[in-house]
Amino acid sequence: MMKYSGADRATSERIHGFYMDKKIVAPGAAISEPGIRAVLDSLVATGELKNPPDPADFIDRSFLDEAAK
């Protein structure tokens, strides 16, 4: 998180704690296509994207499948 957000360690830990406490991250870090759609739609609503791409373009479940073995 620190690498991609530029946040310091303390901020990253607070953000991580918030996400875990509020159960924002799905159990087992499962990927939710409706969840990705909601994020993409919010980016359209804020004007950061003109048209939302297909959520399936962002999903590669092979990593979770391999980790679950």
PDB file of N, CA and C in Angstrom:
ATOM      1  N   MET A   1       0.830  -1.183   0.000  1.00  0.00           N
ATOM      2  CA  MET A   1       0.000   0.000   0.000  1.00  0.00           C
ATOM      3  C   MET A   1       0.875   1.247   0.000  1.00  0.00           C
ATOM      4  N   MET A   2       1.924   1.242   0.793  1.00  0.00           N
ATOM      5  CA  MET A   2       2.792   2.416   0.877  1.00  0.00           C
ATOM      6  C   MET A   2       3.429   2.710  -0.482  1.00  0.00           C
ATOM      7  N   LYS A   3       3.840   1.672  -1.166  1.00  0.00           N
ATOM      8  CA  LYS A   3       4.519   1.837  -2.449  1.00  0.00           C
ATOM      9  C   LYS A   3       3.617   2.531  -3.472  1.00  0.00           C
ATOM     10  N   TYR A   4       2.361   2.127  -3.529  1.00  0.00           N
ATOM     11  CA  TYR A   4       1.472   2.636  -4.563  1.00  0.00           C
ATOM     12  C   TYR A   4       0.709   3.895  -4.162  1.00  0.00           C
ATOM     13  N   SER A   5       0.510   4.097  -2.873  1.00  0.00           N
ATOM     14  CA  SER A   5      -0.260   5.260  -2.443  1.00  0.00           C
ATOM     15  C   SER A   5       0.616   6.441  -2.056  1.00  0.00           C
ATOM     16  N   GLY A   6       1.877   6.152  -1.720  1.00  0.00           N
ATOM     17  CA  GLY A   6       2.750   7.219  -1.253  1.00  0.00           C
ATOM     18  C   GLY A   6       2.528   7.567   0.210  1.00  0.00           C
ATOM     19  N   ALA A   7       1.627   6.826   0.870  1.00  0.00           N
ATOM     20  CA  ALA A   7       1.334   7.087   2.285  1.00  0.00           C
ATOM     21  C   ALA A   7       2.467   6.556   3.163  1.00  0.00           C
ATOM     22  N   ASP A   8       2.643   7.180   4.318  1.00  0.00           N
ATOM     23  CA  ASP A   8       3.653   6.693   5.254  1.00  0.00           C
ATOM     24  C   ASP A   8       3.120   5.448   5.978  1.00  0.00           C
ATOM     25  N   ARG A   9       3.971   4.818   6.761  1.00  0.00           N
ATOM     26  CA  ARG A   9       3.615   3.564   7.422  1.00  0.00           C
ATOM     27  C   ARG A   9       2.428   3.727   8.375  1.00  0.00           C
ATOM     28  N   ALA A  10       2.441   4.781   9.190  1.00  0.00           N
ATOM     29  CA  ALA A  10       1.361   4.986  10.162  1.00  0.00           C
ATOM     30  C   ALA A  10       0.014   5.154   9.455  1.00  0.00           C
ATOM     31  N   THR A  11       0.001   5.934   8.393  1.00  0.00           N
ATOM     32  CA  THR A  11      -1.240   6.141   7.637  1.00  0.00           C
ATOM     33  C   THR A  11      -1.688   4.838   6.988  1.00  0.00           C
ATOM     34  N   SER A  12      -0.750   4.115   6.409  1.00  0.00           N
ATOM     35  CA  SER A  12      -1.077   2.835   5.779  1.00  0.00           C
ATOM     36  C   SER A  12      -1.657   1.852   6.784  1.00  0.00           C
ATOM     37  N   GLU A  13      -1.095   1.820   7.986  1.00  0.00           N
ATOM     38  CA  GLU A  13      -1.614   0.919   9.019  1.00  0.00           C
ATOM     39  C   GLU A  13      -3.024   1.327   9.451  1.00  0.00           C
ATOM     40  N   ARG A  14      -3.287   2.625   9.544  1.00  0.00           N
ATOM     41  CA  ARG A  14      -4.641   3.084   9.897  1.00  0.00           C
ATOM     42  C   ARG A  14      -5.639   2.716   8.798  1.00  0.00           C
ATOM     43  N   ILE A  15      -5.239   2.911   7.548  1.00  0.00           N
ATOM     44  CA  ILE A  15      -6.115   2.562   6.430  1.00  0.00           C
ATOM     45  C   ILE A  15      -6.385   1.058   6.428  1.00  0.00           C
ATOM     46  N   HIS A  16      -5.347   0.273   6.596  1.00  0.00           N
ATOM     47  CA  HIS A  16      -5.502  -1.187   6.624  1.00  0.00           C
ATOM     48  C   HIS A  16      -6.442  -1.587   7.756  1.00  0.00           C
ATOM     49  N   GLY A  17      -6.251  -1.020   8.942  1.00  0.00           N
ATOM     50  CA  GLY A  17      -7.120  -1.325  10.078  1.00  0.00           C
ATOM     51  C   GLY A  17      -8.567  -0.969   9.801  1.00  0.00           C
ATOM     52  N   PHE A  18      -8.788   0.186   9.192  1.00  0.00           N
ATOM     53  CA  PHE A  18     -10.139   0.607   8.834  1.00  0.00           C
ATOM     54  C   PHE A  18     -10.782  -0.397   7.888  1.00  0.00           C
ATOM     55  N   TYR A  19     -10.053  -0.787   6.845  1.00  0.00           N
ATOM     56  CA  TYR A  19     -10.585  -1.736   5.862  1.00  0.00           C
ATOM     57  C   TYR A  19     -10.903  -3.079   6.512  1.00  0.00           C
ATOM     58  N   MET A  20     -10.061  -3.521   7.430  1.00  0.00           N
ATOM     59  CA  MET A  20     -10.314  -4.797   8.092  1.00  0.00           C
ATOM     60  C   MET A  20     -11.478  -4.688   9.082  1.00  0.00           C
ATOM     61  N   ASP A  21     -11.513  -3.623   9.854  1.00  0.00           N
ATOM     62  CA  ASP A  21     -12.586  -3.425  10.837  1.00  0.00           C
ATOM     63  C   ASP A  21     -13.954  -3.326  10.169  1.00  0.00           C
ATOM     64  N   LYS A  22     -14.029  -2.617   9.066  1.00  0.00           N
ATOM     65  CA  LYS A  22     -15.302  -2.396   8.369  1.00  0.00           C
ATOM     66  C   LYS A  22     -15.624  -3.507   7.373  1.00  0.00           C
ATOM     67  N   LYS A  23     -14.714  -4.498   7.292  1.00  0.00           N
ATOM     68  CA  LYS A  23     -14.892  -5.633   6.372  1.00  0.00           C
ATOM     69  C   LYS A  23     -15.053  -5.160   4.923  1.00  0.00           C
ATOM     70  N   ILE A  24     -14.270  -4.156   4.567  1.00  0.00           N
ATOM     71  CA  ILE A  24     -14.292  -3.642   3.202  1.00  0.00           C
ATOM     72  C   ILE A  24     -13.621  -4.630   2.254  1.00  0.00           C
ATOM     73  N   VAL A  25     -12.606  -5.313   2.746  1.00  0.00           N
ATOM     74  CA  VAL A  25     -11.940  -6.351   1.968  1.00  0.00           C
ATOM     75  C   VAL A  25     -12.717  -7.644   2.177  1.00  0.00           C
ATOM     76  N   ALA A  26     -13.060  -8.313   1.109  1.00  0.00           N
ATOM     77  CA  ALA A  26     -13.833  -9.550   1.186  1.00  0.00           C
ATOM     78  C   ALA A  26     -13.050 -10.629   1.926  1.00  0.00           C
ATOM     79  N   PRO A  27     -13.758 -11.515   2.622  1.00  0.00           N
ATOM     80  CA  PRO A  27     -13.076 -12.622   3.306  1.00  0.00           C
ATOM     81  C   PRO A  27     -12.183 -13.400   2.343  1.00  0.00           C
ATOM     82  N   GLY A  28     -10.991 -13.703   2.797  1.00  0.00           N
ATOM     83  CA  GLY A  28     -10.040 -14.423   1.956  1.00  0.00           C
ATOM     84  C   GLY A  28      -9.544 -13.607   0.788  1.00  0.00           C
ATOM     85  N   ALA A  29      -9.798 -12.308   0.821  1.00  0.00           N
ATOM     86  CA  ALA A  29      -9.410 -11.394  -0.261  1.00  0.00           C
ATOM     87  C   ALA A  29     -10.032 -11.792  -1.601  1.00  0.00           C
ATOM     88  N   ALA A  30     -11.206 -12.428  -1.533  1.00  0.00           N
ATOM     89  CA  ALA A  30     -11.901 -12.832  -2.754  1.00  0.00           C
ATOM     90  C   ALA A  30     -12.241 -11.596  -3.589  1.00  0.00           C
ATOM     91  N   ILE A  31     -12.220 -11.776  -4.881  1.00  0.00           N
ATOM     92  CA  ILE A  31     -12.489 -10.676  -5.797  1.00  0.00           C
ATOM     93  C   ILE A  31     -13.973 -10.699  -6.152  1.00  0.00           C
ATOM     94  N   SER A  32     -14.589  -9.547  -6.058  1.00  0.00           N
ATOM     95  CA  SER A  32     -16.018  -9.420  -6.331  1.00  0.00           C
ATOM     96  C   SER A  32     -16.221  -8.582  -7.582  1.00  0.00           C
ATOM     97  N   GLU A  33     -16.787  -9.188  -8.609  1.00  0.00           N
ATOM     98  CA  GLU A  33     -17.051  -8.420  -9.823  1.00  0.00           C
ATOM     99  C   GLU A  33     -18.016  -7.263  -9.550  1.00  0.00           C
ATOM    100  N   PRO A  34     -19.079  -7.469  -8.758  1.00  0.00           N
ATOM    101  CA  PRO A  34     -19.935  -6.321  -8.433  1.00  0.00           C
ATOM    102  C   PRO A  34     -19.176  -5.231  -7.660  1.00  0.00           C
ATOM    103  N   GLY A  35     -18.238  -5.631  -6.825  1.00  0.00           N
ATOM    104  CA  GLY A  35     -17.440  -4.652  -6.091  1.00  0.00           C
ATOM    105  C   GLY A  35     -16.564  -3.830  -7.017  1.00  0.00           C
ATOM    106  N   ILE A  36     -15.940  -4.504  -7.968  1.00  0.00           N
ATOM    107  CA  ILE A  36     -15.106  -3.787  -8.932  1.00  0.00           C
ATOM    108  C   ILE A  36     -15.971  -2.868  -9.780  1.00  0.00           C
ATOM    109  N   ARG A  37     -17.156  -3.338 -10.159  1.00  0.00           N
ATOM    110  CA  ARG A  37     -18.086  -2.500 -10.930  1.00  0.00           C
ATOM    111  C   ARG A  37     -18.438  -1.234 -10.136  1.00  0.00           C
ATOM    112  N   ALA A  38     -18.678  -1.377  -8.841  1.00  0.00           N
ATOM    113  CA  ALA A  38     -19.026  -0.227  -8.009  1.00  0.00           C
ATOM    114  C   ALA A  38     -17.887   0.792  -7.982  1.00  0.00           C
ATOM    115  N   VAL A  39     -16.649   0.317  -7.881  1.00  0.00           N
ATOM    116  CA  VAL A  39     -15.497   1.226  -7.880  1.00  0.00           C
ATOM    117  C   VAL A  39     -15.382   1.929  -9.230  1.00  0.00           C
ATOM    118  N   LEU A  40     -15.513   1.180 -10.312  1.00  0.00           N
ATOM    119  CA  LEU A  40     -15.416   1.784 -11.638  1.00  0.00           C
ATOM    120  C   LEU A  40     -16.542   2.797 -11.854  1.00  0.00           C
ATOM    121  N   ASP A  41     -17.757   2.461 -11.413  1.00  0.00           N
ATOM    122  CA  ASP A  41     -18.872   3.398 -11.542  1.00  0.00           C
ATOM    123  C   ASP A  41     -18.619   4.675 -10.738  1.00  0.00           C
ATOM    124  N   SER A  42     -17.994   4.528  -9.569  1.00  0.00           N
ATOM    125  CA  SER A  42     -17.700   5.728  -8.765  1.00  0.00           C
ATOM    126  C   SER A  42     -16.660   6.601  -9.455  1.00  0.00           C
ATOM    127  N   LEU A  43     -15.724   5.977 -10.169  1.00  0.00           N
ATOM    128  CA  LEU A  43     -14.728   6.756 -10.915  1.00  0.00           C
ATOM    129  C   LEU A  43     -15.378   7.501 -12.076  1.00  0.00           C
ATOM    130  N   VAL A  44     -16.402   6.909 -12.671  1.00  0.00           N
ATOM    131  CA  VAL A  44     -17.158   7.606 -13.714  1.00  0.00           C
ATOM    132  C   VAL A  44     -17.923   8.774 -13.088  1.00  0.00           C
ATOM    133  N   ALA A  45     -18.548   8.527 -11.948  1.00  0.00           N
ATOM    134  CA  ALA A  45     -19.342   9.567 -11.282  1.00  0.00           C
ATOM    135  C   ALA A  45     -18.496  10.772 -10.882  1.00  0.00           C
ATOM    136  N   THR A  46     -17.229  10.532 -10.520  1.00  0.00           N
ATOM    137  CA  THR A  46     -16.359  11.641 -10.130  1.00  0.00           C
ATOM    138  C   THR A  46     -15.633  12.264 -11.318  1.00  0.00           C
ATOM    139  N   GLY A  47     -15.861  11.705 -12.506  1.00  0.00           N
ATOM    140  CA  GLY A  47     -15.240  12.242 -13.709  1.00  0.00           C
ATOM    141  C   GLY A  47     -13.836  11.741 -13.980  1.00  0.00           C
ATOM    142  N   GLU A  48     -13.371  10.785 -13.197  1.00  0.00           N
ATOM    143  CA  GLU A  48     -12.017  10.262 -13.411  1.00  0.00           C
ATOM    144  C   GLU A  48     -11.952   9.284 -14.578  1.00  0.00           C
ATOM    145  N   LEU A  49     -13.083   8.695 -14.915  1.00  0.00           N
ATOM    146  CA  LEU A  49     -13.198   7.846 -16.106  1.00  0.00           C
ATOM    147  C   LEU A  49     -14.381   8.340 -16.916  1.00  0.00           C
ATOM    148  N   LYS A  50     -14.265   8.235 -18.219  1.00  0.00           N
ATOM    149  CA  LYS A  50     -15.381   8.639 -19.074  1.00  0.00           C
ATOM    150  C   LYS A  50     -16.407   7.514 -19.160  1.00  0.00           C
ATOM    151  N   ASN A  51     -15.939   6.318 -19.407  1.00  0.00           N
ATOM    152  CA  ASN A  51     -16.801   5.141 -19.489  1.00  0.00           C
ATOM    153  C   ASN A  51     -16.149   4.016 -18.695  1.00  0.00           C
ATOM    154  N   PRO A  52     -16.924   3.303 -17.893  1.00  0.00           N
ATOM    155  CA  PRO A  52     -16.316   2.238 -17.099  1.00  0.00           C
ATOM    156  C   PRO A  52     -15.945   1.045 -17.972  1.00  0.00           C
ATOM    157  N   PRO A  53     -14.752   0.508 -17.782  1.00  0.00           N
ATOM    158  CA  PRO A  53     -14.374  -0.707 -18.502  1.00  0.00           C
ATOM    159  C   PRO A  53     -15.090  -1.915 -17.889  1.00  0.00           C
ATOM    160  N   ASP A  54     -14.977  -3.033 -18.551  1.00  0.00           N
ATOM    161  CA  ASP A  54     -15.564  -4.278 -18.058  1.00  0.00           C
ATOM    162  C   ASP A  54     -14.776  -4.751 -16.844  1.00  0.00           C
ATOM    163  N   PRO A  55     -15.442  -4.973 -15.705  1.00  0.00           N
ATOM    164  CA  PRO A  55     -14.732  -5.441 -14.510  1.00  0.00           C
ATOM    165  C   PRO A  55     -13.953  -6.736 -14.754  1.00  0.00           C
ATOM    166  N   ALA A  56     -14.433  -7.569 -15.645  1.00  0.00           N
ATOM    167  CA  ALA A  56     -13.752  -8.837 -15.926  1.00  0.00           C
ATOM    168  C   ALA A  56     -12.332  -8.603 -16.443  1.00  0.00           C
ATOM    169  N   ASP A  57     -12.092  -7.439 -17.027  1.00  0.00           N
ATOM    170  CA  ASP A  57     -10.748  -7.122 -17.531  1.00  0.00           C
ATOM    171  C   ASP A  57      -9.738  -6.954 -16.400  1.00  0.00           C
ATOM    172  N   PHE A  58     -10.216  -6.796 -15.168  1.00  0.00           N
ATOM    173  CA  PHE A  58      -9.342  -6.564 -14.025  1.00  0.00           C
ATOM    174  C   PHE A  58      -9.221  -7.776 -13.113  1.00  0.00           C
ATOM    175  N   ILE A  59      -9.883  -8.856 -13.452  1.00  0.00           N
ATOM    176  CA  ILE A  59      -9.947 -10.006 -12.550  1.00  0.00           C
ATOM    177  C   ILE A  59      -9.112 -11.154 -13.085  1.00  0.00           C
ATOM    178  N   ASP A  60      -8.202 -11.601 -12.253  1.00  0.00           N
ATOM    179  CA  ASP A  60      -7.417 -12.806 -12.526  1.00  0.00           C
ATOM    180  C   ASP A  60      -7.464 -13.637 -11.248  1.00  0.00           C
ATOM    181  N   ARG A  61      -8.367 -14.575 -11.194  1.00  0.00           N
ATOM    182  CA  ARG A  61      -8.565 -15.383  -9.986  1.00  0.00           C
ATOM    183  C   ARG A  61      -7.489 -16.459  -9.815  1.00  0.00           C
ATOM    184  N   SER A  62      -6.601 -16.596 -10.761  1.00  0.00           N
ATOM    185  CA  SER A  62      -5.608 -17.675 -10.684  1.00  0.00           C
ATOM    186  C   SER A  62      -4.720 -17.540  -9.447  1.00  0.00           C
ATOM    187  N   PHE A  63      -4.440 -16.324  -9.018  1.00  0.00           N
ATOM    188  CA  PHE A  63      -3.589 -16.134  -7.844  1.00  0.00           C
ATOM    189  C   PHE A  63      -4.269 -16.645  -6.576  1.00  0.00           C
ATOM    190  N   LEU A  64      -5.545 -16.298  -6.399  1.00  0.00           N
ATOM    191  CA  LEU A  64      -6.284 -16.781  -5.244  1.00  0.00           C
ATOM    192  C   LEU A  64      -6.506 -18.281  -5.313  1.00  0.00           C
ATOM    193  N   ASP A  65      -6.781 -18.769  -6.505  1.00  0.00           N
ATOM    194  CA  ASP A  65      -6.965 -20.216  -6.671  1.00  0.00           C
ATOM    195  C   ASP A  65      -5.700 -20.970  -6.280  1.00  0.00           C
ATOM    196  N   GLU A  66      -4.553 -20.455  -6.698  1.00  0.00           N
ATOM    197  CA  GLU A  66      -3.277 -21.099  -6.371  1.00  0.00           C
ATOM    198  C   GLU A  66      -2.985 -21.000  -4.878  1.00  0.00           C
ATOM    199  N   ALA A  67      -3.268 -19.873  -4.289  1.00  0.00           N
ATOM    200  CA  ALA A  67      -3.023 -19.692  -2.853  1.00  0.00           C
ATOM    201  C   ALA A  67      -3.928 -20.565  -2.010  1.00  0.00           C
ATOM    202  N   ALA A  68      -5.088 -20.897  -2.516  1.00  0.00           N
ATOM    203  CA  ALA A  68      -6.049 -21.721  -1.770  1.00  0.00           C
ATOM    204  C   ALA A  68      -5.669 -23.199  -1.762  1.00  0.00           C
ATOM    205  N   LYS A  69      -4.721 -23.578  -2.587  1.00  0.00           N
ATOM    206  CA  LYS A  69      -4.312 -25.008  -2.658  1.00  0.00           C
ATOM    207  C   LYS A  69      -3.558 -25.423  -1.433  1.00  0.00           C
TER     208      LYS A  69
END
